[in-house]
Amino acid sequence: MKKKKIIAFAILIAVIAVIAAIAAYVCLPVLKKADDPEELRIYIEGMGIWGVAFFIMVTVIQVVAAFIPGGPLEIAAGYCFGMIPGAIICDIGMTLGSMVVFLLVRRFGMAFIEIFFSREKIESLKFLKTNGQSRLVIFLLFLIPGTPKDILAYGVGLTDLSLISWILITSVGRFPSILLSTMSGDALGEQRNGTFIVVIIVIAALGATGALAYRIWLKKKSGDADEQVEQISERQEN
């Protein structure tokens, strides 16, 4: 396990180094224009296909480096590309990022996950198992706004879910939430401020509701697991 953790950490350092190199040549010029959204949009549009590639690359990085929030990036994609194209671009990037996470977790297991998350958080995902019902649960968790999709993306790699199933779940399940975010960015770019405010309120409300529902459901699952352990212990004592 220690050797795997060292290798996983070395890979992470290599990824960070690559990201830093890319940032020096591509990201920094973009960030310099971030204080002027209209200038940023013109710059991204001027990059053509490379602007699309840039956004996909950044989205992949956002998923792998789980501590980076994805919402602002989705809004920016809607602002720069429009609602539908922006959503598709973000979904492609997040699907690719989720594939990278999935394969790295499959290769290095807990050693890789513990770089980003505590063992306690990982233990909270014990409900992730591969069967028909669990596939539906995983899909719903990615469909519902507000659920912790970052750690869930890492936790799925610990199951024996197939890569094809995972690609379908993450690409379809994430899309509605992404679409809402790019809708707000598109409204902002078109100066439809009323629509932008309404969509942001809807996103916040759905996110808060989803987060609360997830916590209640997780607490219930944890309580059921503890009860099963107690019943087993009682049977063994008798």
Protein backbone atom coordinates (compact mmCIF):
# COMPACT_ATOMS: atom_id res chain seq x y z
CA MET A 1 0.00 0.00 0.00
CA LYS A 2 2.82 2.42 0.87
CA LYS A 3 4.52 1.79 -2.49
CA LYS A 4 1.24 2.37 -4.33
CA LYS A 5 0.68 5.59 -2.44
CA ILE A 6 4.14 6.85 -3.38
CA ILE A 7 3.58 6.00 -7.05
CA ALA A 8 0.11 7.62 -6.98
CA PHE A 9 1.57 10.76 -5.39
CA ALA A 10 4.36 10.85 -7.99
CA ILE A 11 1.76 10.65 -10.78
CA LEU A 12 -0.19 13.48 -9.16
CA ILE A 13 2.97 15.62 -9.02
CA ALA A 14 3.61 14.88 -12.70
CA VAL A 15 0.04 15.89 -13.56
CA ILE A 16 0.45 19.13 -11.60
CA ALA A 17 3.70 19.84 -13.46
CA VAL A 18 1.96 19.34 -16.81
CA ILE A 19 -0.89 21.60 -15.68
CA ALA A 20 1.61 24.27 -14.63
CA ALA A 21 3.30 24.11 -18.05
CA ILE A 22 -0.03 24.39 -19.84
CA ALA A 23 -1.02 27.29 -17.58
CA ALA A 24 2.16 29.15 -18.48
CA TYR A 25 1.39 29.01 -22.20
CA VAL A 26 -2.40 28.95 -22.37
CA CYS A 27 -4.21 29.63 -19.11
CA LEU A 28 -2.37 32.74 -17.96
CA PRO A 29 -3.30 34.83 -21.04
CA VAL A 30 -6.91 33.78 -20.50
CA LEU A 31 -6.87 34.58 -16.79
CA LYS A 32 -5.51 38.05 -17.53
CA LYS A 33 -8.76 38.76 -19.36
CA ALA A 34 -11.01 37.23 -16.70
CA ASP A 35 -11.82 40.62 -15.19
CA ASP A 36 -13.50 41.63 -18.47
CA PRO A 37 -16.02 38.89 -19.42
CA GLU A 38 -16.73 40.35 -22.85
CA GLU A 39 -13.05 40.55 -23.73
CA LEU A 40 -12.63 36.97 -22.47
CA ARG A 41 -15.44 35.76 -24.72
CA ILE A 42 -13.95 37.49 -27.77
CA TYR A 43 -10.55 35.99 -26.96
CA ILE A 44 -11.95 32.46 -26.56
CA GLU A 45 -13.98 32.77 -29.78
CA GLY A 46 -10.84 33.97 -31.54
CA MET A 47 -9.05 30.78 -30.49
CA GLY A 48 -11.51 28.73 -32.57
CA ILE A 49 -11.23 24.99 -31.96
CA TRP A 50 -8.40 25.64 -29.50
CA GLY A 51 -10.82 27.59 -27.34
CA VAL A 52 -13.03 24.51 -27.14
CA ALA A 53 -9.97 22.32 -26.42
CA PHE A 54 -8.90 24.75 -23.68
CA PHE A 55 -12.25 24.54 -21.92
CA ILE A 56 -12.32 20.74 -22.16
CA MET A 57 -8.79 20.57 -20.75
CA VAL A 58 -9.62 22.84 -17.82
CA THR A 59 -12.79 20.84 -17.10
CA VAL A 60 -10.80 17.59 -17.03
CA ILE A 61 -8.39 19.19 -14.55
CA GLN A 62 -11.33 20.37 -12.41
CA VAL A 63 -12.69 16.83 -12.09
CA VAL A 64 -9.31 15.22 -11.33
CA ALA A 65 -8.35 17.91 -8.80
CA ALA A 66 -11.55 17.37 -6.85
CA PHE A 67 -11.19 20.48 -4.67
CA ILE A 68 -11.76 22.85 -7.63
CA PRO A 69 -15.46 23.87 -7.98
CA GLY A 70 -17.00 23.22 -11.38
CA GLY A 71 -19.96 25.63 -11.24
CA PRO A 72 -18.09 28.83 -12.19
CA LEU A 73 -16.43 27.03 -15.11
CA GLU A 74 -19.82 25.84 -16.41
CA ILE A 75 -21.23 29.38 -16.18
CA ALA A 76 -18.17 30.67 -18.07
CA ALA A 77 -18.70 28.03 -20.77
CA GLY A 78 -22.31 29.17 -21.20
CA TYR A 79 -21.13 32.77 -21.41
CA CYS A 80 -18.45 32.03 -24.02
CA PHE A 81 -20.16 29.35 -26.17
CA GLY A 82 -23.87 29.55 -25.42
CA MET A 83 -26.15 27.27 -23.43
CA ILE A 84 -26.16 24.05 -25.50
CA PRO A 85 -22.60 24.13 -26.94
CA GLY A 86 -21.22 25.16 -23.54
CA ALA A 87 -23.06 22.30 -21.82
CA ILE A 88 -21.78 19.76 -24.36
CA ILE A 89 -18.20 21.03 -24.00
CA CYS A 90 -18.34 20.82 -20.20
CA ASP A 91 -19.99 17.39 -20.28
CA ILE A 92 -17.26 16.05 -22.58
CA GLY A 93 -14.56 17.44 -20.28
CA MET A 94 -16.19 16.11 -17.11
CA THR A 95 -16.73 12.70 -18.67
CA LEU A 96 -13.07 12.52 -19.72
CA GLY A 97 -12.00 13.68 -16.25
CA SER A 98 -14.24 11.08 -14.63
CA MET A 99 -12.68 8.39 -16.84
CA VAL A 100 -9.20 9.46 -15.74
CA VAL A 101 -10.23 9.34 -12.07
CA PHE A 102 -11.92 5.96 -12.54
CA LEU A 103 -8.85 4.39 -14.17
CA LEU A 104 -6.41 5.85 -11.63
CA VAL A 105 -8.50 4.59 -8.72
CA ARG A 106 -8.74 1.17 -10.39
CA ARG A 107 -4.95 1.12 -10.68
CA PHE A 108 -3.95 2.55 -7.29
CA GLY A 109 -7.07 2.09 -5.16
CA MET A 110 -7.29 3.83 -1.78
CA ALA A 111 -3.71 5.08 -2.10
CA PHE A 112 -4.81 7.51 -4.80
CA ILE A 113 -8.12 8.53 -3.21
CA GLU A 114 -6.46 9.37 0.12
CA ILE A 115 -4.42 12.06 -1.60
CA PHE A 116 -7.66 14.08 -1.82
CA PHE A 117 -10.06 12.66 0.78
CA SER A 118 -9.90 11.40 4.37
CA ARG A 119 -10.55 7.71 5.05
CA GLU A 120 -13.66 8.74 7.01
CA LYS A 121 -15.20 10.32 3.91
CA ILE A 122 -14.28 7.32 1.83
CA GLU A 123 -15.88 4.97 4.39
CA SER A 124 -19.14 6.90 3.96
CA LEU A 125 -19.35 5.47 0.43
CA LYS A 126 -19.64 1.85 1.55
CA PHE A 127 -23.12 1.79 0.02
CA LEU A 128 -21.55 1.86 -3.47
CA LYS A 129 -21.85 -1.69 -4.74
CA THR A 130 -22.27 -3.05 -8.23
CA ASN A 131 -25.72 -4.44 -8.89
CA GLY A 132 -28.78 -3.25 -10.79
CA GLN A 133 -30.13 -1.20 -7.89
CA SER A 134 -26.77 0.40 -7.07
CA ARG A 135 -26.26 1.46 -10.69
CA LEU A 136 -29.58 3.28 -10.45
CA VAL A 137 -28.54 4.86 -7.13
CA ILE A 138 -25.24 6.05 -8.60
CA PHE A 139 -27.05 7.51 -11.61
CA LEU A 140 -29.56 9.35 -9.40
CA LEU A 141 -26.77 10.72 -7.21
CA PHE A 142 -25.17 12.24 -10.31
CA LEU A 143 -28.51 13.45 -11.64
CA ILE A 144 -29.55 15.25 -8.44
CA PRO A 145 -27.92 18.68 -7.91
CA GLY A 146 -26.07 19.21 -4.63
CA THR A 147 -24.67 15.71 -4.15
CA PRO A 148 -20.87 15.45 -3.62
CA LYS A 149 -20.04 14.32 -7.14
CA ASP A 150 -16.31 14.85 -6.62
CA ILE A 151 -15.89 12.14 -3.97
CA LEU A 152 -18.55 9.96 -5.61
CA ALA A 153 -16.50 9.96 -8.84
CA TYR A 154 -13.54 8.65 -6.86
CA GLY A 155 -15.62 6.14 -4.88
CA VAL A 156 -17.10 4.52 -7.99
CA GLY A 157 -13.60 3.40 -8.98
CA LEU A 158 -13.56 1.11 -5.93
CA THR A 159 -16.54 -0.87 -7.28
CA ASP A 160 -16.45 -3.35 -10.16
CA LEU A 161 -18.67 -1.16 -12.31
CA SER A 162 -17.57 -1.38 -15.95
CA LEU A 163 -15.94 1.61 -17.60
CA ILE A 164 -18.68 1.75 -20.26
CA SER A 165 -21.41 1.85 -17.59
CA TRP A 166 -19.51 4.57 -15.76
CA ILE A 167 -19.16 6.68 -18.92
CA LEU A 168 -22.91 6.44 -19.57
CA ILE A 169 -23.82 7.26 -15.95
CA THR A 170 -21.54 10.28 -15.59
CA SER A 171 -22.16 11.77 -19.06
CA VAL A 172 -25.97 11.52 -18.87
CA GLY A 173 -26.36 12.07 -15.13
CA ARG A 174 -24.32 15.29 -14.99
CA PHE A 175 -25.83 16.90 -18.08
CA PRO A 176 -29.03 18.48 -16.61
CA SER A 177 -27.08 20.28 -13.86
CA ILE A 178 -24.45 21.42 -16.36
CA LEU A 179 -27.19 22.68 -18.68
CA LEU A 180 -28.69 24.82 -15.92
CA SER A 181 -25.31 26.40 -15.21
CA THR A 182 -24.56 27.12 -18.87
CA MET A 183 -28.08 28.54 -19.22
CA SER A 184 -27.20 31.11 -16.57
CA GLY A 185 -23.92 31.93 -18.29
CA ASP A 186 -25.68 32.31 -21.65
CA ALA A 187 -28.26 34.64 -20.07
CA LEU A 188 -25.45 36.71 -18.57
CA GLY A 189 -23.68 36.93 -21.92
CA GLU A 190 -26.88 38.06 -23.63
CA GLN A 191 -27.48 40.57 -20.80
CA ARG A 192 -30.74 38.92 -19.80
CA ASN A 193 -30.06 39.72 -16.16
CA GLY A 194 -33.52 38.74 -14.92
CA THR A 195 -33.18 35.26 -16.42
CA PHE A 196 -29.66 34.97 -15.01
CA ILE A 197 -30.85 35.78 -11.47
CA VAL A 198 -33.80 33.38 -11.69
CA VAL A 199 -31.63 30.50 -12.95
CA ILE A 200 -29.00 31.13 -10.26
CA ILE A 201 -31.74 31.05 -7.59
CA VAL A 202 -33.09 27.79 -9.06
CA ILE A 203 -29.58 26.26 -9.08
CA ALA A 204 -29.01 27.31 -5.46
CA ALA A 205 -32.39 25.95 -4.34
CA LEU A 206 -31.94 22.63 -6.15
CA GLY A 207 -28.39 22.31 -4.84
CA ALA A 208 -29.41 22.97 -1.24
CA THR A 209 -32.35 20.54 -1.49
CA GLY A 210 -30.19 17.86 -3.08
CA ALA A 211 -27.43 18.27 -0.50
CA LEU A 212 -29.92 18.01 2.36
CA ALA A 213 -31.62 14.96 0.85
CA TYR A 214 -28.22 13.28 0.36
CA ARG A 215 -27.23 13.86 3.99
CA ILE A 216 -30.54 12.48 5.28
CA TRP A 217 -30.29 9.45 2.98
CA LEU A 218 -26.64 8.82 3.90
CA LYS A 219 -27.46 9.05 7.61
CA LYS A 220 -30.25 6.53 7.14
CA LYS A 221 -27.95 4.16 5.23
CA SER A 222 -25.34 4.49 7.97
CA GLY A 223 -27.97 3.77 10.64
CA ASP A 224 -29.18 0.69 8.76
CA ALA A 225 -25.61 -0.60 8.47
CA ASP A 226 -24.98 -0.10 12.21
CA GLU A 227 -28.23 -1.92 13.01
CA GLN A 228 -27.19 -4.87 10.85
CA VAL A 229 -23.84 -5.05 12.65
CA GLU A 230 -25.59 -5.06 16.03
CA GLN A 231 -27.95 -7.85 14.92
CA ILE A 232 -25.03 -9.98 13.71
CA SER A 233 -23.20 -9.41 17.01
CA GLU A 234 -26.27 -10.41 19.00
CA ARG A 235 -26.70 -13.61 16.97
CA GLN A 236 -23.06 -14.51 17.51
CA GLU A 237 -23.39 -13.97 21.28
CA ASN A 238 -26.48 -16.19 21.42
